Amino acid sequence: MESGNLYIVATPIGNLSDITYRAVDILKTVDFILAEDTRHASILLKYYEIKNSVISYHSYSSKIKENKLLLRIKDGENGALISDAGTPCISDPGVLLVKEAYKMGLNIVPIPGVSAMITLLSVSGLSVSPMLYIGFLSSKSGTRKNQLKTLCENEKKLLVFYESVHRIKAFIDDASAVFDDSCIVIIGRELTKQFEQIVRKPLSEILDFFESSNIMLKGEFTIIIDNRNKKFKVF
């Protein structure tokens, strides 16, 4: 029996219209859909009248469950992996499933679409080469500041981060202590959603902006720091 496919399907990061026709077709025709949060996934699936079986798959899923899901694909079924938002396997546990799928010799098919990182880069007004995607740093301030210091000293690139609403202010505080005040910073909050906000300022002005606005009240953040014309701060 010929094995099936594991589709890696990008979904919207906010606006439900930001999904490809191909992605919708795949989600309607696979045998099962794997989602980080089935309740969150149900919003999108209901919107597009997708009624396929949805199974939870996240960082706490057991190896036994993972193996059973992949064996279903090996036995001829087709499965689709989606994340809570955007392209799977970018700072999410789906990468572990894909790694195991390769070990089993399964066919893995990308269904491309929106990504918060690419979305913000497209409106940054900056050339994106060279660029380094970092994702989430440590939740501990001391470790995070050391990570930023290492990046500042060693990576003369456009740096891209993700951060949660609970740590964004602390992230900006730490970045301000490390990077040159003149470097350009672009921050995107709630990208593609109703209260989308994009800020582009020198680092020296970003902290004041955060302290004088309500940008921190909710949302997920994507941050770009242009470290290509770096000047080192003295510690």
C-alpha atoms as a PDB file:
ATOM      1  CA  MET A   1       0.000   0.000   0.000  1.00  0.00           C
ATOM      2  CA  GLU A   2       1.269   3.456  -0.905  1.00  0.00           C
ATOM      3  CA  SER A   3       1.733   5.789   2.058  1.00  0.00           C
ATOM      4  CA  GLY A   4      -0.156   9.055   2.324  1.00  0.00           C
ATOM      5  CA  ASN A   5       1.086  12.602   2.697  1.00  0.00           C
ATOM      6  CA  LEU A   6       1.752  14.820   5.678  1.00  0.00           C
ATOM      7  CA  TYR A   7       0.751  18.336   4.621  1.00  0.00           C
ATOM      8  CA  ILE A   8       2.264  21.298   6.488  1.00  0.00           C
ATOM      9  CA  VAL A   9      -0.457  23.901   6.061  1.00  0.00           C
ATOM     10  CA  ALA A  10      -0.032  27.611   6.756  1.00  0.00           C
ATOM     11  CA  THR A  11      -3.092  29.288   8.255  1.00  0.00           C
ATOM     12  CA  PRO A  12      -3.937  32.960   8.962  1.00  0.00           C
ATOM     13  CA  ILE A  13      -2.154  34.873  11.712  1.00  0.00           C
ATOM     14  CA  GLY A  14      -5.273  36.960  12.317  1.00  0.00           C
ATOM     15  CA  ASN A  15      -7.503  37.861   9.396  1.00  0.00           C
ATOM     16  CA  LEU A  16      -9.310  34.654   8.408  1.00  0.00           C
ATOM     17  CA  SER A  17      -9.258  35.657   4.739  1.00  0.00           C
ATOM     18  CA  ASP A  18      -5.464  35.280   4.644  1.00  0.00           C
ATOM     19  CA  ILE A  19      -5.431  31.642   3.551  1.00  0.00           C
ATOM     20  CA  THR A  20      -4.815  30.129   0.127  1.00  0.00           C
ATOM     21  CA  TYR A  21      -7.413  28.252  -1.898  1.00  0.00           C
ATOM     22  CA  ARG A  22      -5.054  25.304  -1.934  1.00  0.00           C
ATOM     23  CA  ALA A  23      -4.817  25.263   1.872  1.00  0.00           C
ATOM     24  CA  VAL A  24      -8.605  25.182   2.216  1.00  0.00           C
ATOM     25  CA  ASP A  25      -8.864  22.375  -0.367  1.00  0.00           C
ATOM     26  CA  ILE A  26      -6.226  20.322   1.449  1.00  0.00           C
ATOM     27  CA  LEU A  27      -7.885  20.799   4.854  1.00  0.00           C
ATOM     28  CA  LYS A  28     -11.215  19.685   3.377  1.00  0.00           C
ATOM     29  CA  THR A  29      -9.844  16.524   1.791  1.00  0.00           C
ATOM     30  CA  VAL A  30      -7.318  15.081   4.279  1.00  0.00           C
ATOM     31  CA  ASP A  31      -8.304  12.267   6.607  1.00  0.00           C
ATOM     32  CA  PHE A  32      -7.359  14.177   9.740  1.00  0.00           C
ATOM     33  CA  ILE A  33      -6.008  17.546  10.873  1.00  0.00           C
ATOM     34  CA  LEU A  34      -3.453  17.994  13.654  1.00  0.00           C
ATOM     35  CA  ALA A  35      -3.741  21.244  15.622  1.00  0.00           C
ATOM     36  CA  GLU A  36      -1.984  22.758  18.627  1.00  0.00           C
ATOM     37  CA  ASP A  37      -5.289  23.920  20.122  1.00  0.00           C
ATOM     38  CA  THR A  38      -8.386  22.247  18.694  1.00  0.00           C
ATOM     39  CA  ARG A  39     -10.673  24.962  20.088  1.00  0.00           C
ATOM     40  CA  HIS A  40      -8.660  27.661  18.370  1.00  0.00           C
ATOM     41  CA  ALA A  41      -8.513  25.661  15.145  1.00  0.00           C
ATOM     42  CA  SER A  42     -12.296  25.205  15.182  1.00  0.00           C
ATOM     43  CA  ILE A  43     -12.780  28.933  14.542  1.00  0.00           C
ATOM     44  CA  LEU A  44     -10.989  28.735  11.188  1.00  0.00           C
ATOM     45  CA  LEU A  45     -12.419  25.345  10.269  1.00  0.00           C
ATOM     46  CA  LYS A  46     -15.976  26.432  11.000  1.00  0.00           C
ATOM     47  CA  TYR A  47     -15.487  29.625   8.961  1.00  0.00           C
ATOM     48  CA  TYR A  48     -14.513  27.579   5.898  1.00  0.00           C
ATOM     49  CA  GLU A  49     -16.982  24.742   6.611  1.00  0.00           C
ATOM     50  CA  ILE A  50     -14.216  22.204   7.075  1.00  0.00           C
ATOM     51  CA  LYS A  51     -15.622  19.202   8.930  1.00  0.00           C
ATOM     52  CA  ASN A  52     -12.706  16.782   9.015  1.00  0.00           C
ATOM     53  CA  SER A  53     -11.471  15.090  12.162  1.00  0.00           C
ATOM     54  CA  VAL A  54      -9.262  17.367  14.291  1.00  0.00           C
ATOM     55  CA  ILE A  55      -6.702  15.862  16.669  1.00  0.00           C
ATOM     56  CA  SER A  56      -4.619  17.776  19.204  1.00  0.00           C
ATOM     57  CA  TYR A  57      -0.876  17.737  18.679  1.00  0.00           C
ATOM     58  CA  HIS A  58       1.365  19.949  20.800  1.00  0.00           C
ATOM     59  CA  SER A  59       4.624  19.986  22.722  1.00  0.00           C
ATOM     60  CA  TYR A  60       3.168  17.713  25.426  1.00  0.00           C
ATOM     61  CA  SER A  61       1.954  15.030  23.020  1.00  0.00           C
ATOM     62  CA  SER A  62       3.493  11.645  23.769  1.00  0.00           C
ATOM     63  CA  LYS A  63       5.824   9.746  21.472  1.00  0.00           C
ATOM     64  CA  ILE A  64       3.246   6.952  21.414  1.00  0.00           C
ATOM     65  CA  LYS A  65       0.567   9.313  20.076  1.00  0.00           C
ATOM     66  CA  GLU A  66       3.019  10.812  17.575  1.00  0.00           C
ATOM     67  CA  ASN A  67       3.953   7.355  16.305  1.00  0.00           C
ATOM     68  CA  LYS A  68       0.302   6.299  15.915  1.00  0.00           C
ATOM     69  CA  LEU A  69      -0.464   9.410  13.867  1.00  0.00           C
ATOM     70  CA  LEU A  70       2.500   8.860  11.568  1.00  0.00           C
ATOM     71  CA  LEU A  71       1.646   5.174  11.145  1.00  0.00           C
ATOM     72  CA  ARG A  72      -1.798   6.214   9.898  1.00  0.00           C
ATOM     73  CA  ILE A  73      -0.071   8.222   7.179  1.00  0.00           C
ATOM     74  CA  LYS A  74       2.309   5.344   6.421  1.00  0.00           C
ATOM     75  CA  ASP A  75      -0.772   3.126   6.006  1.00  0.00           C
ATOM     76  CA  GLY A  76      -2.200   5.415   3.331  1.00  0.00           C
ATOM     77  CA  GLU A  77      -4.093   8.196   5.101  1.00  0.00           C
ATOM     78  CA  ASN A  78      -3.391  11.877   4.503  1.00  0.00           C
ATOM     79  CA  GLY A  79      -2.852  14.239   7.443  1.00  0.00           C
ATOM     80  CA  ALA A  80      -2.476  18.000   7.727  1.00  0.00           C
ATOM     81  CA  LEU A  81      -0.543  19.834  10.415  1.00  0.00           C
ATOM     82  CA  ILE A  82      -1.580  23.377  11.339  1.00  0.00           C
ATOM     83  CA  SER A  83      -0.337  25.700  14.067  1.00  0.00           C
ATOM     84  CA  ASP A  84      -2.369  28.169  16.108  1.00  0.00           C
ATOM     85  CA  ALA A  85      -1.423  30.855  13.594  1.00  0.00           C
ATOM     86  CA  GLY A  86       0.791  31.188  10.548  1.00  0.00           C
ATOM     87  CA  THR A  87       3.234  28.663   9.131  1.00  0.00           C
ATOM     88  CA  PRO A  88       3.781  25.501  11.218  1.00  0.00           C
ATOM     89  CA  CYS A  89       7.214  24.423  12.452  1.00  0.00           C
ATOM     90  CA  ILE A  90       8.429  28.018  12.890  1.00  0.00           C
ATOM     91  CA  SER A  91       8.917  28.280  16.666  1.00  0.00           C
ATOM     92  CA  ASP A  92       6.340  25.555  17.329  1.00  0.00           C
ATOM     93  CA  PRO A  93       6.444  21.824  18.175  1.00  0.00           C
ATOM     94  CA  GLY A  94       5.421  20.674  14.695  1.00  0.00           C
ATOM     95  CA  VAL A  95       9.096  20.438  13.793  1.00  0.00           C
ATOM     96  CA  LEU A  96       9.364  17.312  15.991  1.00  0.00           C
ATOM     97  CA  LEU A  97       6.589  15.582  14.043  1.00  0.00           C
ATOM     98  CA  VAL A  98       8.193  16.448  10.714  1.00  0.00           C
ATOM     99  CA  LYS A  99      11.569  15.166  11.919  1.00  0.00           C
ATOM    100  CA  GLU A 100      10.031  11.808  12.819  1.00  0.00           C
ATOM    101  CA  ALA A 101       8.092  11.710   9.550  1.00  0.00           C
ATOM    102  CA  TYR A 102      11.362  11.976   7.636  1.00  0.00           C
ATOM    103  CA  LYS A 103      12.800   9.104   9.668  1.00  0.00           C
ATOM    104  CA  MET A 104       9.828   6.972   8.595  1.00  0.00           C
ATOM    105  CA  GLY A 105      10.308   7.914   4.953  1.00  0.00           C
ATOM    106  CA  LEU A 106       6.976   9.703   4.671  1.00  0.00           C
ATOM    107  CA  ASN A 107       6.149  12.275   2.007  1.00  0.00           C
ATOM    108  CA  ILE A 108       5.966  15.781   3.486  1.00  0.00           C
ATOM    109  CA  VAL A 109       4.237  18.470   1.430  1.00  0.00           C
ATOM    110  CA  PRO A 110       4.458  22.205   2.256  1.00  0.00           C
ATOM    111  CA  ILE A 111       1.328  24.307   1.696  1.00  0.00           C
ATOM    112  CA  PRO A 112       2.768  27.823   2.015  1.00  0.00           C
ATOM    113  CA  GLY A 113       1.055  30.921   3.263  1.00  0.00           C
ATOM    114  CA  VAL A 114       1.271  33.736   5.768  1.00  0.00           C
ATOM    115  CA  SER A 115       4.011  34.164   8.379  1.00  0.00           C
ATOM    116  CA  ALA A 116       4.247  36.942  10.967  1.00  0.00           C
ATOM    117  CA  MET A 117       7.960  37.304  10.280  1.00  0.00           C
ATOM    118  CA  ILE A 118       7.549  37.745   6.504  1.00  0.00           C
ATOM    119  CA  THR A 119       4.491  39.956   6.997  1.00  0.00           C
ATOM    120  CA  LEU A 120       6.428  42.466   9.090  1.00  0.00           C
ATOM    121  CA  LEU A 121       9.567  42.281   6.952  1.00  0.00           C
ATOM    122  CA  SER A 122       7.493  43.197   3.896  1.00  0.00           C
ATOM    123  CA  VAL A 123       6.528  46.563   5.418  1.00  0.00           C
ATOM    124  CA  SER A 124       9.811  47.276   7.207  1.00  0.00           C
ATOM    125  CA  GLY A 125      11.224  49.506   4.497  1.00  0.00           C
ATOM    126  CA  LEU A 126      14.535  47.692   4.935  1.00  0.00           C
ATOM    127  CA  SER A 127      16.477  45.382   2.644  1.00  0.00           C
ATOM    128  CA  VAL A 128      16.346  42.010   4.347  1.00  0.00           C
ATOM    129  CA  SER A 129      19.788  40.658   3.507  1.00  0.00           C
ATOM    130  CA  PRO A 130      21.527  39.510   5.556  1.00  0.00           C
ATOM    131  CA  MET A 131      18.783  38.509   7.973  1.00  0.00           C
ATOM    132  CA  LEU A 132      18.749  36.182  10.982  1.00  0.00           C
ATOM    133  CA  TYR A 133      15.537  34.753  12.440  1.00  0.00           C
ATOM    134  CA  ILE A 134      15.814  34.274  16.211  1.00  0.00           C
ATOM    135  CA  GLY A 135      12.252  33.717  17.412  1.00  0.00           C
ATOM    136  CA  PHE A 136      11.679  33.666  21.176  1.00  0.00           C
ATOM    137  CA  LEU A 137      14.520  34.388  23.576  1.00  0.00           C
ATOM    138  CA  SER A 138      14.700  33.284  27.210  1.00  0.00           C
ATOM    139  CA  SER A 139      11.941  34.396  29.568  1.00  0.00           C
ATOM    140  CA  LYS A 140      14.616  35.236  32.178  1.00  0.00           C
ATOM    141  CA  SER A 141      15.885  38.805  31.927  1.00  0.00           C
ATOM    142  CA  GLY A 142      19.525  38.072  32.728  1.00  0.00           C
ATOM    143  CA  THR A 143      19.762  35.265  30.197  1.00  0.00           C
ATOM    144  CA  ARG A 144      17.818  37.263  27.612  1.00  0.00           C
ATOM    145  CA  LYS A 145      20.141  40.258  27.983  1.00  0.00           C
ATOM    146  CA  ASN A 146      23.181  38.005  27.509  1.00  0.00           C
ATOM    147  CA  GLN A 147      21.582  36.494  24.415  1.00  0.00           C
ATOM    148  CA  LEU A 148      20.944  39.967  23.003  1.00  0.00           C
ATOM    149  CA  LYS A 149      24.498  41.054  23.826  1.00  0.00           C
ATOM    150  CA  THR A 150      25.910  38.039  21.973  1.00  0.00           C
ATOM    151  CA  LEU A 151      23.717  38.784  18.957  1.00  0.00           C
ATOM    152  CA  CYS A 152      24.687  42.455  19.005  1.00  0.00           C
ATOM    153  CA  GLU A 153      28.392  41.650  19.057  1.00  0.00           C
ATOM    154  CA  ASN A 154      28.441  38.761  16.589  1.00  0.00           C
ATOM    155  CA  GLU A 155      25.556  39.164  14.141  1.00  0.00           C
ATOM    156  CA  LYS A 156      25.750  42.178  11.838  1.00  0.00           C
ATOM    157  CA  LYS A 157      22.349  41.374  10.397  1.00  0.00           C
ATOM    158  CA  LEU A 158      18.686  42.222  10.459  1.00  0.00           C
ATOM    159  CA  LEU A 159      17.466  40.333  13.559  1.00  0.00           C
ATOM    160  CA  VAL A 160      13.889  39.037  13.864  1.00  0.00           C
ATOM    161  CA  PHE A 161      12.283  38.072  17.181  1.00  0.00           C
ATOM    162  CA  TYR A 162       8.913  36.974  18.534  1.00  0.00           C
ATOM    163  CA  GLU A 163       7.733  38.048  21.978  1.00  0.00           C
ATOM    164  CA  SER A 164       4.619  37.755  24.121  1.00  0.00           C
ATOM    165  CA  VAL A 165       2.609  40.612  25.577  1.00  0.00           C
ATOM    166  CA  HIS A 166       3.818  39.656  29.056  1.00  0.00           C
ATOM    167  CA  ARG A 167       7.498  40.210  28.220  1.00  0.00           C
ATOM    168  CA  ILE A 168       7.567  42.797  25.439  1.00  0.00           C
ATOM    169  CA  LYS A 169       8.357  45.735  27.743  1.00  0.00           C
ATOM    170  CA  ALA A 170      11.176  43.796  29.421  1.00  0.00           C
ATOM    171  CA  PHE A 171      12.487  42.791  25.999  1.00  0.00           C
ATOM    172  CA  ILE A 172      12.626  46.438  24.898  1.00  0.00           C
ATOM    173  CA  ASP A 173      14.333  47.393  28.167  1.00  0.00           C
ATOM    174  CA  ASP A 174      17.024  44.759  27.628  1.00  0.00           C
ATOM    175  CA  ALA A 175      17.483  45.600  23.932  1.00  0.00           C
ATOM    176  CA  SER A 176      17.866  49.283  24.817  1.00  0.00           C
ATOM    177  CA  ALA A 177      20.669  48.415  27.210  1.00  0.00           C
ATOM    178  CA  VAL A 178      22.545  46.452  24.544  1.00  0.00           C
ATOM    179  CA  PHE A 179      22.011  47.812  21.025  1.00  0.00           C
ATOM    180  CA  ASP A 180      23.032  51.182  19.644  1.00  0.00           C
ATOM    181  CA  ASP A 181      20.367  53.859  20.161  1.00  0.00           C
ATOM    182  CA  SER A 182      20.327  54.781  16.477  1.00  0.00           C
ATOM    183  CA  CYS A 183      19.484  51.342  15.093  1.00  0.00           C
ATOM    184  CA  ILE A 184      16.063  51.038  13.496  1.00  0.00           C
ATOM    185  CA  VAL A 185      13.471  48.886  15.262  1.00  0.00           C
ATOM    186  CA  ILE A 186      10.157  47.768  13.744  1.00  0.00           C
ATOM    187  CA  ILE A 187       7.511  46.237  15.990  1.00  0.00           C
ATOM    188  CA  GLY A 188       4.312  44.644  14.763  1.00  0.00           C
ATOM    189  CA  ARG A 189       1.421  43.926  17.115  1.00  0.00           C
ATOM    190  CA  GLU A 190      -1.721  41.972  16.238  1.00  0.00           C
ATOM    191  CA  LEU A 191      -0.637  41.759  12.594  1.00  0.00           C
ATOM    192  CA  THR A 192      -3.560  41.462  10.117  1.00  0.00           C
ATOM    193  CA  LYS A 193      -6.085  41.814  12.960  1.00  0.00           C
ATOM    194  CA  GLN A 194      -8.536  44.621  13.716  1.00  0.00           C
ATOM    195  CA  PHE A 195      -6.164  46.465  16.044  1.00  0.00           C
ATOM    196  CA  GLU A 196      -2.993  45.928  14.026  1.00  0.00           C
ATOM    197  CA  GLN A 197      -0.229  48.330  14.939  1.00  0.00           C
ATOM    198  CA  ILE A 198       3.175  48.744  13.300  1.00  0.00           C
ATOM    199  CA  VAL A 199       5.821  51.020  14.815  1.00  0.00           C
ATOM    200  CA  ARG A 200       9.088  51.955  13.104  1.00  0.00           C
ATOM    201  CA  LYS A 201      11.499  54.102  15.097  1.00  0.00           C
ATOM    202  CA  PRO A 202      15.117  54.376  16.222  1.00  0.00           C
ATOM    203  CA  LEU A 203      15.714  52.280  19.319  1.00  0.00           C
ATOM    204  CA  SER A 204      16.166  55.451  21.368  1.00  0.00           C
ATOM    205  CA  GLU A 205      12.511  56.378  20.733  1.00  0.00           C
ATOM    206  CA  ILE A 206      10.926  52.934  21.044  1.00  0.00           C
ATOM    207  CA  LEU A 207      11.035  52.771  24.843  1.00  0.00           C
ATOM    208  CA  ASP A 208       9.352  56.171  25.218  1.00  0.00           C
ATOM    209  CA  PHE A 209       6.697  55.115  22.733  1.00  0.00           C
ATOM    210  CA  PHE A 210       5.917  51.980  24.712  1.00  0.00           C
ATOM    211  CA  GLU A 211       5.684  53.869  27.972  1.00  0.00           C
ATOM    212  CA  SER A 212       3.322  56.498  26.539  1.00  0.00           C
ATOM    213  CA  SER A 213       0.938  54.261  24.580  1.00  0.00           C
ATOM    214  CA  ASN A 214      -1.378  51.300  25.107  1.00  0.00           C
ATOM    215  CA  ILE A 215       0.489  49.043  22.669  1.00  0.00           C
ATOM    216  CA  MET A 216       1.328  46.606  25.454  1.00  0.00           C
ATOM    217  CA  LEU A 217      -2.231  45.827  26.511  1.00  0.00           C
ATOM    218  CA  LYS A 218      -2.702  42.726  24.365  1.00  0.00           C
ATOM    219  CA  GLY A 219      -1.415  40.838  21.375  1.00  0.00           C
ATOM    220  CA  GLU A 220       1.600  38.948  20.105  1.00  0.00           C
ATOM    221  CA  PHE A 221       4.636  40.865  18.907  1.00  0.00           C
ATOM    222  CA  THR A 222       7.100  40.504  16.056  1.00  0.00           C
ATOM    223  CA  ILE A 223      10.257  42.603  16.411  1.00  0.00           C
ATOM    224  CA  ILE A 224      12.930  43.537  13.866  1.00  0.00           C
ATOM    225  CA  ILE A 225      16.217  45.109  14.984  1.00  0.00           C
ATOM    226  CA  ASP A 226      18.575  46.384  12.306  1.00  0.00           C
ATOM    227  CA  ASN A 227      22.027  45.543  13.679  1.00  0.00           C
ATOM    228  CA  ARG A 228      23.901  46.017  10.393  1.00  0.00           C
ATOM    229  CA  ASN A 229      25.399  49.383  11.297  1.00  0.00           C
ATOM    230  CA  LYS A 230      26.098  48.506  14.901  1.00  0.00           C
ATOM    231  CA  LYS A 231      28.043  50.515  17.415  1.00  0.00           C
ATOM    232  CA  PHE A 232      28.952  48.788  20.656  1.00  0.00           C
ATOM    233  CA  LYS A 233      27.792  50.067  23.994  1.00  0.00           C
ATOM    234  CA  VAL A 234      30.265  50.035  26.850  1.00  0.00           C
ATOM    235  CA  PHE A 235      29.382  47.620  29.683  1.00  0.00           C
END
